[in-house]
C-alpha atoms as a PDB file:
ATOM      1  CA  UNK A   1      -0.826  13.595 366.608  1.00  0.00           C
ATOM      2  CA  UNK A   2      -4.202  12.585 368.019  1.00  0.00           C
ATOM      3  CA  UNK A   3      -4.819  13.285 371.908  1.00  0.00           C
ATOM      4  CA  UNK A   4      -4.498   9.323 372.855  1.00  0.00           C
ATOM      5  CA  UNK A   5      -1.332   9.392 370.652  1.00  0.00           C
ATOM      6  CA  UNK A   6      -0.497  12.178 373.563  1.00  0.00           C
ATOM      7  CA  UNK A   7      -1.516  10.459 376.297  1.00  0.00           C
ATOM      8  CA  UNK A   8       0.504   6.677 375.534  1.00  0.00           C
ATOM      9  CA  UNK A   9       3.591   8.861 374.677  1.00  0.00           C
ATOM     10  CA  UNK A  10       3.616  10.945 377.872  1.00  0.00           C
ATOM     11  CA  UNK A  11       2.665   7.628 379.971  1.00  0.00           C
ATOM     12  CA  UNK A  12       5.434   5.920 377.978  1.00  0.00           C
ATOM     13  CA  UNK A  13       7.985   8.217 378.307  1.00  0.00           C
ATOM     14  CA  UNK A  14       7.698   8.711 382.146  1.00  0.00           C
ATOM     15  CA  UNK A  15       7.989   4.731 382.222  1.00  0.00           C
ATOM     16  CA  UNK A  16      11.014   4.731 380.468  1.00  0.00           C
ATOM     17  CA  UNK A  17      12.923   7.720 382.925  1.00  0.00           C
ATOM     18  CA  UNK A  18      11.453   4.892 385.855  1.00  0.00           C
ATOM     19  CA  UNK A  19      13.356   1.800 383.751  1.00  0.00           C
ATOM     20  CA  UNK A  20      16.467   3.910 383.122  1.00  0.00           C
ATOM     21  CA  UNK A  21      16.899   4.577 386.285  1.00  0.00           C
ATOM     22  CA  UNK A  22      16.590   1.465 387.499  1.00  0.00           C
ATOM     23  CA  UNK A  23      14.471   3.138 390.082  1.00  0.00           C
ATOM     24  CA  UNK A  24      11.102   0.687 389.008  1.00  0.00           C
ATOM     25  CA  UNK A  25      11.993  -1.843 392.108  1.00  0.00           C
ATOM     26  CA  UNK A  26      11.869   0.347 394.560  1.00  0.00           C
ATOM     27  CA  UNK A  27       8.575   0.590 397.157  1.00  0.00           C
ATOM     28  CA  UNK A  28       8.010   4.119 396.535  1.00  0.00           C
ATOM     29  CA  UNK A  29       7.862   3.926 392.824  1.00  0.00           C
ATOM     30  CA  UNK A  30       5.352   5.178 390.510  1.00  0.00           C
ATOM     31  CA  UNK A  31       5.441   2.671 387.457  1.00  0.00           C
ATOM     32  CA  UNK A  32       2.689   0.241 388.397  1.00  0.00           C
ATOM     33  CA  UNK A  33       0.509   3.283 388.657  1.00  0.00           C
ATOM     34  CA  UNK A  34       1.895   4.460 385.232  1.00  0.00           C
ATOM     35  CA  UNK A  35       1.490   0.724 383.816  1.00  0.00           C
ATOM     36  CA  UNK A  36      -2.003   0.750 384.756  1.00  0.00           C
ATOM     37  CA  UNK A  37      -2.344   4.238 383.339  1.00  0.00           C
ATOM     38  CA  UNK A  38      -1.479   3.531 380.065  1.00  0.00           C
ATOM     39  CA  UNK A  39      -2.689  -0.053 379.807  1.00  0.00           C
ATOM     40  CA  UNK A  40      -6.202   1.581 378.759  1.00  0.00           C
ATOM     41  CA  UNK A  41      -4.676   2.372 375.576  1.00  0.00           C
ATOM     42  CA  UNK A  42      -2.592  -0.602 374.894  1.00  0.00           C
ATOM     43  CA  UNK A  43      -4.405  -1.450 371.213  1.00  0.00           C
ATOM     44  CA  UNK A  44      -3.448   1.993 370.228  1.00  0.00           C
ATOM     45  CA  UNK A  45      -0.175   1.667 370.769  1.00  0.00           C
ATOM     46  CA  UNK A  46       2.293   1.193 367.741  1.00  0.00           C
ATOM     47  CA  UNK A  47       4.372  -1.285 367.477  1.00  0.00           C
ATOM     48  CA  UNK A  48       7.364   0.619 369.249  1.00  0.00           C
ATOM     49  CA  UNK A  49       5.521   1.402 372.456  1.00  0.00           C
ATOM     50  CA  UNK A  50       3.504  -1.784 372.676  1.00  0.00           C
ATOM     51  CA  UNK A  51       6.562  -4.126 372.678  1.00  0.00           C
ATOM     52  CA  UNK A  52       8.775  -1.568 375.100  1.00  0.00           C
ATOM     53  CA  UNK A  53       4.847  -1.972 377.384  1.00  0.00           C
ATOM     54  CA  UNK A  54       5.063  -5.791 376.935  1.00  0.00           C
ATOM     55  CA  UNK A  55       9.190  -5.490 377.710  1.00  0.00           C
ATOM     56  CA  UNK A  56       8.448  -3.834 381.091  1.00  0.00           C
ATOM     57  CA  UNK A  57       5.696  -6.039 382.001  1.00  0.00           C
ATOM     58  CA  UNK A  58       8.111  -8.771 381.974  1.00  0.00           C
ATOM     59  CA  UNK A  59      10.513  -7.178 383.839  1.00  0.00           C
ATOM     60  CA  UNK A  60       7.735  -6.214 386.551  1.00  0.00           C
ATOM     61  CA  UNK A  61       6.770  -9.995 386.898  1.00  0.00           C
ATOM     62  CA  UNK A  62      10.174 -11.273 386.904  1.00  0.00           C
ATOM     63  CA  UNK A  63      11.585  -8.652 389.487  1.00  0.00           C
ATOM     64  CA  UNK A  64      14.878  -7.944 387.456  1.00  0.00           C
ATOM     65  CA  UNK A  65      16.888  -4.733 386.830  1.00  0.00           C
ATOM     66  CA  UNK A  66      16.518  -3.011 383.465  1.00  0.00           C
ATOM     67  CA  UNK A  67      19.698  -3.701 381.453  1.00  0.00           C
ATOM     68  CA  UNK A  68      20.171  -2.267 377.829  1.00  0.00           C
ATOM     69  CA  UNK A  69      23.125  -3.540 375.620  1.00  0.00           C
ATOM     70  CA  UNK A  70      23.999  -0.399 374.019  1.00  0.00           C
END
């Protein structure tokens, strides 16, 4: 795996933890910092990470809870 993919996966893993814990709407959440950091790699993301990133963006813009249907 390339260094860029490693960085993307590292950021996306952190974003996923925050989203699944539904702490992304808390004042001290690092979600915006993480999203900004990983955004520079968007063109290098695979489809799965790009789709997840865009969904997180939407949820943040709409100030929604993160709900995964299982």
